[in-house]
């Protein structure tokens, strides 16, 4: 039986990547973190002295705390956050249990430096269509929920990246870009170690739509059509991104839970 205010790795991995995912706090000691500095997808480091500050930022929203083994550090942090008015649970078995289950872990060394507010900053070309919406969705859902995404003129991407210590993506001659037949979304999945079957299924759809290979997945043509439609509905790139977040949320849930489900009409036809 699960302990009060705890959550299992099996349940947590189903929540990560969804729009209502709780904030994840890595509450391991500095020594434990140094021994393995990888993080659960979307997690941020949290020290004891910063818990009140984190609670103010949460504004009553839910969180999950993670320590090395699910003991005093994570349970104490979760209790502190609850005392500050923010619902909070701790991960059963902690980082050790998550790692033992071979669940995804993010290498923070792959991330750009954080800004003064602890957010990673990413910059790409304006007027996005497919990859430049899919990648920000992936970053915000699985890497850094508070990531700042900048859209600028193509010629200014590298200059803006240097100015703000941001990571340029989906342009030529940068780390986060197409590689061979792979699009930037594929590269991010590989580099971040996000070996999640639903993301692999979604990647084929994104790749097919983004590289004019609609034969890669039956859904690629649909993603292309909707993406082009969104690009014409919104003149503001950030508004388009917000609309696109919902689109990719739906595609991800389809890829995870409904890719084998058929549909026909009428659905409730009486049996003979």
C-alpha atoms as a PDB file:
ATOM      1  CA  UNK A   1       0.000   0.000   0.000  1.00  0.00           C
ATOM      2  CA  UNK A   2       1.318   3.425  -0.940  1.00  0.00           C
ATOM      3  CA  UNK A   3       2.361   5.713   1.889  1.00  0.00           C
ATOM      4  CA  UNK A   4       0.395   8.941   2.416  1.00  0.00           C
ATOM      5  CA  UNK A   5       1.458  11.798   0.164  1.00  0.00           C
ATOM      6  CA  UNK A   6       3.621   9.532  -2.003  1.00  0.00           C
ATOM      7  CA  UNK A   7       3.564   8.652  -5.705  1.00  0.00           C
ATOM      8  CA  UNK A   8       5.114   5.687  -7.490  1.00  0.00           C
ATOM      9  CA  UNK A   9       7.494   5.901 -10.447  1.00  0.00           C
ATOM     10  CA  UNK A  10       4.928   3.979 -12.508  1.00  0.00           C
ATOM     11  CA  UNK A  11       2.268   6.612 -11.870  1.00  0.00           C
ATOM     12  CA  UNK A  12       4.596   9.599 -12.196  1.00  0.00           C
ATOM     13  CA  UNK A  13       5.918   8.585 -15.618  1.00  0.00           C
ATOM     14  CA  UNK A  14       2.316   8.644 -16.873  1.00  0.00           C
ATOM     15  CA  UNK A  15       1.855  12.226 -15.659  1.00  0.00           C
ATOM     16  CA  UNK A  16       5.091  13.717 -16.969  1.00  0.00           C
ATOM     17  CA  UNK A  17       4.595  15.358 -20.350  1.00  0.00           C
ATOM     18  CA  UNK A  18       0.936  16.185 -19.836  1.00  0.00           C
ATOM     19  CA  UNK A  19      -0.398  19.759 -19.523  1.00  0.00           C
ATOM     20  CA  UNK A  20      -1.321  19.336 -15.853  1.00  0.00           C
ATOM     21  CA  UNK A  21       1.950  17.705 -14.789  1.00  0.00           C
ATOM     22  CA  UNK A  22       3.057  18.870 -11.326  1.00  0.00           C
ATOM     23  CA  UNK A  23       6.295  20.747 -10.776  1.00  0.00           C
ATOM     24  CA  UNK A  24       9.146  18.343 -10.004  1.00  0.00           C
ATOM     25  CA  UNK A  25      11.775  19.312  -7.433  1.00  0.00           C
ATOM     26  CA  UNK A  26      15.066  17.448  -7.143  1.00  0.00           C
ATOM     27  CA  UNK A  27      15.787  17.612  -3.414  1.00  0.00           C
ATOM     28  CA  UNK A  28      18.844  15.335  -3.364  1.00  0.00           C
ATOM     29  CA  UNK A  29      21.877  16.370  -1.389  1.00  0.00           C
ATOM     30  CA  UNK A  30      24.747  18.012  -3.236  1.00  0.00           C
ATOM     31  CA  UNK A  31      26.793  14.831  -2.757  1.00  0.00           C
ATOM     32  CA  UNK A  32      24.100  12.584  -4.241  1.00  0.00           C
ATOM     33  CA  UNK A  33      23.535  14.991  -7.109  1.00  0.00           C
ATOM     34  CA  UNK A  34      27.266  15.158  -7.869  1.00  0.00           C
ATOM     35  CA  UNK A  35      27.402  11.347  -8.016  1.00  0.00           C
ATOM     36  CA  UNK A  36      24.691  11.332 -10.741  1.00  0.00           C
ATOM     37  CA  UNK A  37      23.661  14.825 -11.893  1.00  0.00           C
ATOM     38  CA  UNK A  38      20.901  13.634 -14.191  1.00  0.00           C
ATOM     39  CA  UNK A  39      17.368  14.857 -13.520  1.00  0.00           C
ATOM     40  CA  UNK A  40      13.895  13.465 -13.972  1.00  0.00           C
ATOM     41  CA  UNK A  41      12.308  15.040 -17.066  1.00  0.00           C
ATOM     42  CA  UNK A  42      11.286  18.604 -16.266  1.00  0.00           C
ATOM     43  CA  UNK A  43      12.723  18.592 -12.727  1.00  0.00           C
ATOM     44  CA  UNK A  44      14.544  21.528 -11.161  1.00  0.00           C
ATOM     45  CA  UNK A  45      17.010  21.537  -8.303  1.00  0.00           C
ATOM     46  CA  UNK A  46      15.617  22.725  -4.977  1.00  0.00           C
ATOM     47  CA  UNK A  47      17.572  23.476  -1.823  1.00  0.00           C
ATOM     48  CA  UNK A  48      16.012  23.577   1.642  1.00  0.00           C
ATOM     49  CA  UNK A  49      16.530  27.325   1.972  1.00  0.00           C
ATOM     50  CA  UNK A  50      14.640  27.984  -1.264  1.00  0.00           C
ATOM     51  CA  UNK A  51      11.455  26.063  -0.429  1.00  0.00           C
ATOM     52  CA  UNK A  52       9.502  29.138   0.681  1.00  0.00           C
ATOM     53  CA  UNK A  53      10.560  30.904  -2.515  1.00  0.00           C
ATOM     54  CA  UNK A  54       9.479  27.906  -4.584  1.00  0.00           C
ATOM     55  CA  UNK A  55       6.148  27.798  -2.764  1.00  0.00           C
ATOM     56  CA  UNK A  56       5.496  31.426  -3.662  1.00  0.00           C
ATOM     57  CA  UNK A  57       6.266  30.625  -7.288  1.00  0.00           C
ATOM     58  CA  UNK A  58       3.961  27.586  -7.237  1.00  0.00           C
ATOM     59  CA  UNK A  59       1.037  29.762  -6.135  1.00  0.00           C
ATOM     60  CA  UNK A  60      -0.822  26.780  -4.733  1.00  0.00           C
ATOM     61  CA  UNK A  61      -0.124  24.422  -7.630  1.00  0.00           C
ATOM     62  CA  UNK A  62       0.940  20.830  -7.051  1.00  0.00           C
ATOM     63  CA  UNK A  63       4.485  19.507  -6.901  1.00  0.00           C
ATOM     64  CA  UNK A  64       6.438  16.297  -6.383  1.00  0.00           C
ATOM     65  CA  UNK A  65       9.753  16.155  -4.557  1.00  0.00           C
ATOM     66  CA  UNK A  66      12.527  13.658  -5.297  1.00  0.00           C
ATOM     67  CA  UNK A  67      15.482  12.716  -3.122  1.00  0.00           C
ATOM     68  CA  UNK A  68      17.922   9.831  -3.411  1.00  0.00           C
ATOM     69  CA  UNK A  69      15.750   7.163  -1.786  1.00  0.00           C
ATOM     70  CA  UNK A  70      12.383   8.736  -0.944  1.00  0.00           C
ATOM     71  CA  UNK A  71      13.251   9.409   2.698  1.00  0.00           C
ATOM     72  CA  UNK A  72      13.657  12.477   4.885  1.00  0.00           C
ATOM     73  CA  UNK A  73      14.846  14.966   2.273  1.00  0.00           C
ATOM     74  CA  UNK A  74      11.953  14.553  -0.152  1.00  0.00           C
ATOM     75  CA  UNK A  75       9.360  13.838   2.540  1.00  0.00           C
ATOM     76  CA  UNK A  76      10.478  16.895   4.495  1.00  0.00           C
ATOM     77  CA  UNK A  77      10.428  19.103   1.395  1.00  0.00           C
ATOM     78  CA  UNK A  78       6.945  17.896   0.450  1.00  0.00           C
ATOM     79  CA  UNK A  79       5.719  18.531   4.005  1.00  0.00           C
ATOM     80  CA  UNK A  80       7.219  22.039   3.947  1.00  0.00           C
ATOM     81  CA  UNK A  81       5.511  22.870   0.648  1.00  0.00           C
ATOM     82  CA  UNK A  82       2.174  21.568   1.957  1.00  0.00           C
ATOM     83  CA  UNK A  83       2.613  23.778   5.032  1.00  0.00           C
ATOM     84  CA  UNK A  84       3.091  26.704   2.638  1.00  0.00           C
ATOM     85  CA  UNK A  85      -0.273  25.891   1.040  1.00  0.00           C
ATOM     86  CA  UNK A  86       0.974  23.931  -1.997  1.00  0.00           C
ATOM     87  CA  UNK A  87      -0.178  20.317  -2.442  1.00  0.00           C
ATOM     88  CA  UNK A  88       2.930  18.158  -2.663  1.00  0.00           C
ATOM     89  CA  UNK A  89       3.895  14.476  -2.794  1.00  0.00           C
ATOM     90  CA  UNK A  90       7.230  12.689  -2.750  1.00  0.00           C
ATOM     91  CA  UNK A  91       8.491   9.984  -5.102  1.00  0.00           C
ATOM     92  CA  UNK A  92       8.470   6.499  -3.554  1.00  0.00           C
ATOM     93  CA  UNK A  93      11.980   5.095  -3.567  1.00  0.00           C
ATOM     94  CA  UNK A  94      13.260   8.396  -4.912  1.00  0.00           C
ATOM     95  CA  UNK A  95      15.864   8.774  -7.630  1.00  0.00           C
ATOM     96  CA  UNK A  96      17.137   5.250  -7.000  1.00  0.00           C
ATOM     97  CA  UNK A  97      13.773   3.675  -7.821  1.00  0.00           C
ATOM     98  CA  UNK A  98      13.321   5.803 -10.943  1.00  0.00           C
ATOM     99  CA  UNK A  99      16.811   4.932 -12.196  1.00  0.00           C
ATOM    100  CA  UNK A 100      16.385   1.236 -11.391  1.00  0.00           C
ATOM    101  CA  UNK A 101      13.236   1.187 -13.532  1.00  0.00           C
ATOM    102  CA  UNK A 102      15.321   2.512 -16.472  1.00  0.00           C
ATOM    103  CA  UNK A 103      13.035   5.524 -16.826  1.00  0.00           C
ATOM    104  CA  UNK A 104      14.218   8.649 -18.716  1.00  0.00           C
ATOM    105  CA  UNK A 105      16.780  10.935 -17.108  1.00  0.00           C
ATOM    106  CA  UNK A 106      17.969  14.273 -18.505  1.00  0.00           C
ATOM    107  CA  UNK A 107      21.641  15.234 -18.506  1.00  0.00           C
ATOM    108  CA  UNK A 108      21.648  18.906 -17.410  1.00  0.00           C
ATOM    109  CA  UNK A 109      24.973  19.388 -19.199  1.00  0.00           C
ATOM    110  CA  UNK A 110      23.002  19.246 -22.456  1.00  0.00           C
ATOM    111  CA  UNK A 111      20.938  22.286 -21.448  1.00  0.00           C
ATOM    112  CA  UNK A 112      21.807  25.938 -22.074  1.00  0.00           C
ATOM    113  CA  UNK A 113      22.664  28.063 -19.065  1.00  0.00           C
ATOM    114  CA  UNK A 114      19.668  29.271 -17.071  1.00  0.00           C
ATOM    115  CA  UNK A 115      18.727  32.934 -16.824  1.00  0.00           C
ATOM    116  CA  UNK A 116      18.362  34.867 -13.552  1.00  0.00           C
ATOM    117  CA  UNK A 117      14.939  33.280 -12.998  1.00  0.00           C
ATOM    118  CA  UNK A 118      16.212  29.752 -13.527  1.00  0.00           C
ATOM    119  CA  UNK A 119      14.753  29.326 -17.025  1.00  0.00           C
ATOM    120  CA  UNK A 120      16.566  27.968 -20.054  1.00  0.00           C
ATOM    121  CA  UNK A 121      16.383  30.208 -23.119  1.00  0.00           C
ATOM    122  CA  UNK A 122      16.001  28.957 -26.702  1.00  0.00           C
ATOM    123  CA  UNK A 123      15.918  30.915 -29.936  1.00  0.00           C
ATOM    124  CA  UNK A 124      14.861  30.006 -33.463  1.00  0.00           C
ATOM    125  CA  UNK A 125      13.546  31.442 -36.728  1.00  0.00           C
ATOM    126  CA  UNK A 126      10.260  33.320 -36.767  1.00  0.00           C
ATOM    127  CA  UNK A 127       7.111  32.100 -38.545  1.00  0.00           C
ATOM    128  CA  UNK A 128       7.292  28.503 -37.312  1.00  0.00           C
ATOM    129  CA  UNK A 129       5.535  25.628 -39.015  1.00  0.00           C
ATOM    130  CA  UNK A 130       6.302  22.142 -37.639  1.00  0.00           C
ATOM    131  CA  UNK A 131       9.717  21.485 -36.050  1.00  0.00           C
ATOM    132  CA  UNK A 132       9.808  24.947 -34.475  1.00  0.00           C
ATOM    133  CA  UNK A 133       6.513  24.217 -32.680  1.00  0.00           C
ATOM    134  CA  UNK A 134       7.203  20.549 -31.925  1.00  0.00           C
ATOM    135  CA  UNK A 135      10.584  21.296 -30.300  1.00  0.00           C
ATOM    136  CA  UNK A 136       9.332  23.997 -27.904  1.00  0.00           C
ATOM    137  CA  UNK A 137       6.485  21.658 -26.954  1.00  0.00           C
ATOM    138  CA  UNK A 138       9.008  18.912 -26.166  1.00  0.00           C
ATOM    139  CA  UNK A 139      11.217  21.295 -24.186  1.00  0.00           C
ATOM    140  CA  UNK A 140       8.362  22.647 -22.075  1.00  0.00           C
ATOM    141  CA  UNK A 141       6.701  19.299 -21.451  1.00  0.00           C
ATOM    142  CA  UNK A 142       9.775  17.133 -20.800  1.00  0.00           C
ATOM    143  CA  UNK A 143      12.852  19.312 -20.214  1.00  0.00           C
ATOM    144  CA  UNK A 144      12.119  22.736 -18.736  1.00  0.00           C
ATOM    145  CA  UNK A 145       8.463  23.696 -18.175  1.00  0.00           C
ATOM    146  CA  UNK A 146       9.427  27.361 -17.759  1.00  0.00           C
ATOM    147  CA  UNK A 147      11.675  27.566 -20.826  1.00  0.00           C
ATOM    148  CA  UNK A 148      11.697  30.879 -22.675  1.00  0.00           C
ATOM    149  CA  UNK A 149      11.272  30.537 -26.451  1.00  0.00           C
ATOM    150  CA  UNK A 150      12.391  33.421 -28.685  1.00  0.00           C
ATOM    151  CA  UNK A 151      11.388  33.772 -32.337  1.00  0.00           C
ATOM    152  CA  UNK A 152      13.492  36.198 -34.395  1.00  0.00           C
ATOM    153  CA  UNK A 153      14.392  36.871 -38.030  1.00  0.00           C
ATOM    154  CA  UNK A 154      16.482  33.998 -39.459  1.00  0.00           C
ATOM    155  CA  UNK A 155      19.577  36.169 -39.920  1.00  0.00           C
ATOM    156  CA  UNK A 156      19.496  37.203 -36.237  1.00  0.00           C
ATOM    157  CA  UNK A 157      19.181  33.804 -34.542  1.00  0.00           C
ATOM    158  CA  UNK A 158      22.872  33.251 -33.783  1.00  0.00           C
ATOM    159  CA  UNK A 159      23.401  36.855 -32.706  1.00  0.00           C
ATOM    160  CA  UNK A 160      20.436  36.778 -30.331  1.00  0.00           C
ATOM    161  CA  UNK A 161      21.632  33.419 -29.005  1.00  0.00           C
ATOM    162  CA  UNK A 162      25.015  34.934 -28.161  1.00  0.00           C
ATOM    163  CA  UNK A 163      23.417  38.020 -26.627  1.00  0.00           C
ATOM    164  CA  UNK A 164      21.185  36.092 -24.229  1.00  0.00           C
ATOM    165  CA  UNK A 165      23.232  32.888 -23.740  1.00  0.00           C
ATOM    166  CA  UNK A 166      20.393  31.063 -25.472  1.00  0.00           C
ATOM    167  CA  UNK A 167      20.428  27.803 -27.409  1.00  0.00           C
ATOM    168  CA  UNK A 168      19.760  28.294 -31.133  1.00  0.00           C
ATOM    169  CA  UNK A 169      17.711  25.521 -32.717  1.00  0.00           C
ATOM    170  CA  UNK A 170      16.371  24.409 -36.075  1.00  0.00           C
ATOM    171  CA  UNK A 171      18.780  26.477 -38.147  1.00  0.00           C
ATOM    172  CA  UNK A 172      21.825  25.318 -40.088  1.00  0.00           C
ATOM    173  CA  UNK A 173      25.227  24.742 -38.459  1.00  0.00           C
ATOM    174  CA  UNK A 174      24.101  24.563 -34.827  1.00  0.00           C
ATOM    175  CA  UNK A 175      23.965  21.636 -32.402  1.00  0.00           C
ATOM    176  CA  UNK A 176      20.166  21.490 -32.131  1.00  0.00           C
ATOM    177  CA  UNK A 177      19.265  21.033 -35.778  1.00  0.00           C
ATOM    178  CA  UNK A 178      18.604  18.483 -38.514  1.00  0.00           C
ATOM    179  CA  UNK A 179      21.112  15.638 -38.850  1.00  0.00           C
ATOM    180  CA  UNK A 180      20.888  13.611 -42.026  1.00  0.00           C
ATOM    181  CA  UNK A 181      17.328  12.373 -42.361  1.00  0.00           C
ATOM    182  CA  UNK A 182      16.497  13.311 -38.778  1.00  0.00           C
ATOM    183  CA  UNK A 183      14.740  16.558 -37.924  1.00  0.00           C
ATOM    184  CA  UNK A 184      15.475  18.654 -34.837  1.00  0.00           C
ATOM    185  CA  UNK A 185      12.722  16.944 -32.846  1.00  0.00           C
ATOM    186  CA  UNK A 186      14.447  13.591 -33.420  1.00  0.00           C
ATOM    187  CA  UNK A 187      17.800  15.041 -32.357  1.00  0.00           C
ATOM    188  CA  UNK A 188      16.352  16.399 -29.113  1.00  0.00           C
ATOM    189  CA  UNK A 189      14.797  13.043 -28.248  1.00  0.00           C
ATOM    190  CA  UNK A 190      18.150  11.342 -28.775  1.00  0.00           C
ATOM    191  CA  UNK A 191      20.327  13.901 -27.002  1.00  0.00           C
ATOM    192  CA  UNK A 192      18.009  14.160 -23.995  1.00  0.00           C
ATOM    193  CA  UNK A 193      17.626  10.387 -23.734  1.00  0.00           C
ATOM    194  CA  UNK A 194      13.844  10.576 -23.917  1.00  0.00           C
ATOM    195  CA  UNK A 195      13.373   6.938 -24.853  1.00  0.00           C
ATOM    196  CA  UNK A 196       9.594   6.958 -24.512  1.00  0.00           C
ATOM    197  CA  UNK A 197       7.655   4.837 -27.043  1.00  0.00           C
ATOM    198  CA  UNK A 198       4.907   7.450 -27.484  1.00  0.00           C
ATOM    199  CA  UNK A 199       7.503  10.118 -28.298  1.00  0.00           C
ATOM    200  CA  UNK A 200       9.149   7.798 -30.823  1.00  0.00           C
ATOM    201  CA  UNK A 201       5.770   7.298 -32.489  1.00  0.00           C
ATOM    202  CA  UNK A 202       5.141  11.037 -32.507  1.00  0.00           C
ATOM    203  CA  UNK A 203       8.644  11.653 -33.899  1.00  0.00           C
ATOM    204  CA  UNK A 204       7.830   9.687 -37.050  1.00  0.00           C
ATOM    205  CA  UNK A 205       4.790  11.904 -37.609  1.00  0.00           C
ATOM    206  CA  UNK A 206       6.797  15.096 -37.037  1.00  0.00           C
ATOM    207  CA  UNK A 207       9.633  13.919 -39.279  1.00  0.00           C
ATOM    208  CA  UNK A 208       7.261  12.986 -42.080  1.00  0.00           C
ATOM    209  CA  UNK A 209       5.455  16.321 -41.937  1.00  0.00           C
ATOM    210  CA  UNK A 210       8.617  18.414 -41.521  1.00  0.00           C
ATOM    211  CA  UNK A 211      10.697  16.805 -44.265  1.00  0.00           C
ATOM    212  CA  UNK A 212       8.050  16.202 -46.949  1.00  0.00           C
ATOM    213  CA  UNK A 213       8.072  12.430 -46.407  1.00  0.00           C
ATOM    214  CA  UNK A 214       4.391  11.906 -45.753  1.00  0.00           C
ATOM    215  CA  UNK A 215       4.804   8.154 -46.269  1.00  0.00           C
ATOM    216  CA  UNK A 216       6.600   7.819 -42.909  1.00  0.00           C
ATOM    217  CA  UNK A 217       3.339   7.915 -40.956  1.00  0.00           C
ATOM    218  CA  UNK A 218      -0.326   8.117 -42.002  1.00  0.00           C
ATOM    219  CA  UNK A 219      -0.801  11.036 -39.602  1.00  0.00           C
ATOM    220  CA  UNK A 220       2.008  13.150 -41.114  1.00  0.00           C
ATOM    221  CA  UNK A 221      -0.250  14.669 -43.771  1.00  0.00           C
ATOM    222  CA  UNK A 222      -2.732  15.695 -41.099  1.00  0.00           C
ATOM    223  CA  UNK A 223      -0.045  17.310 -38.959  1.00  0.00           C
ATOM    224  CA  UNK A 224       1.245  19.196 -41.991  1.00  0.00           C
ATOM    225  CA  UNK A 225      -2.224  20.473 -42.860  1.00  0.00           C
ATOM    226  CA  UNK A 226      -3.031  21.609 -39.324  1.00  0.00           C
ATOM    227  CA  UNK A 227       0.400  23.220 -38.885  1.00  0.00           C
ATOM    228  CA  UNK A 228       0.064  25.227 -42.082  1.00  0.00           C
ATOM    229  CA  UNK A 229      -3.424  26.251 -41.035  1.00  0.00           C
ATOM    230  CA  UNK A 230      -2.187  27.469 -37.639  1.00  0.00           C
ATOM    231  CA  UNK A 231       0.599  29.462 -39.292  1.00  0.00           C
ATOM    232  CA  UNK A 232      -2.054  31.356 -41.242  1.00  0.00           C
ATOM    233  CA  UNK A 233      -4.396  31.821 -38.308  1.00  0.00           C
ATOM    234  CA  UNK A 234      -1.782  33.522 -36.113  1.00  0.00           C
ATOM    235  CA  UNK A 235       0.490  36.403 -37.035  1.00  0.00           C
ATOM    236  CA  UNK A 236       2.081  36.332 -33.575  1.00  0.00           C
ATOM    237  CA  UNK A 237       4.523  33.427 -33.230  1.00  0.00           C
ATOM    238  CA  UNK A 238       4.000  33.059 -29.475  1.00  0.00           C
ATOM    239  CA  UNK A 239       0.227  32.896 -29.904  1.00  0.00           C
ATOM    240  CA  UNK A 240       0.764  30.238 -32.528  1.00  0.00           C
ATOM    241  CA  UNK A 241       3.023  28.340 -30.123  1.00  0.00           C
ATOM    242  CA  UNK A 242       0.332  28.373 -27.435  1.00  0.00           C
ATOM    243  CA  UNK A 243      -2.183  26.949 -29.903  1.00  0.00           C
ATOM    244  CA  UNK A 244       0.397  24.421 -31.074  1.00  0.00           C
ATOM    245  CA  UNK A 245       1.011  23.242 -27.496  1.00  0.00           C
ATOM    246  CA  UNK A 246      -2.565  21.952 -27.368  1.00  0.00           C
ATOM    247  CA  UNK A 247      -2.127  20.323 -30.783  1.00  0.00           C
ATOM    248  CA  UNK A 248       0.964  18.387 -29.675  1.00  0.00           C
ATOM    249  CA  UNK A 249      -0.603  17.541 -26.331  1.00  0.00           C
ATOM    250  CA  UNK A 250      -3.373  15.822 -28.293  1.00  0.00           C
ATOM    251  CA  UNK A 251      -0.939  14.060 -30.642  1.00  0.00           C
ATOM    252  CA  UNK A 252       1.102  12.833 -27.676  1.00  0.00           C
ATOM    253  CA  UNK A 253      -1.944  11.386 -25.910  1.00  0.00           C
ATOM    254  CA  UNK A 254      -2.994   9.729 -29.172  1.00  0.00           C
ATOM    255  CA  UNK A 255       0.506   8.259 -29.562  1.00  0.00           C
ATOM    256  CA  UNK A 256       0.532   7.065 -25.972  1.00  0.00           C
ATOM    257  CA  UNK A 257      -3.020   5.839 -25.464  1.00  0.00           C
ATOM    258  CA  UNK A 258      -5.039   5.714 -28.674  1.00  0.00           C
ATOM    259  CA  UNK A 259      -2.891   4.889 -31.702  1.00  0.00           C
ATOM    260  CA  UNK A 260      -4.553   1.464 -32.050  1.00  0.00           C
ATOM    261  CA  UNK A 261      -8.102   2.677 -31.475  1.00  0.00           C
ATOM    262  CA  UNK A 262     -10.363   2.633 -34.568  1.00  0.00           C
ATOM    263  CA  UNK A 263     -13.372   4.840 -35.118  1.00  0.00           C
ATOM    264  CA  UNK A 264     -16.395   4.462 -37.333  1.00  0.00           C
ATOM    265  CA  UNK A 265     -19.960   5.675 -37.631  1.00  0.00           C
ATOM    266  CA  UNK A 266     -22.485   4.987 -36.284  1.00  0.00           C
ATOM    267  CA  UNK A 267     -20.712   3.985 -33.103  1.00  0.00           C
ATOM    268  CA  UNK A 268     -23.794   2.723 -31.261  1.00  0.00           C
ATOM    269  CA  UNK A 269     -25.485   0.790 -34.019  1.00  0.00           C
ATOM    270  CA  UNK A 270     -27.787  -1.897 -32.463  1.00  0.00           C
ATOM    271  CA  UNK A 271     -26.639  -5.450 -32.917  1.00  0.00           C
ATOM    272  CA  UNK A 272     -28.688  -7.574 -35.297  1.00  0.00           C
END
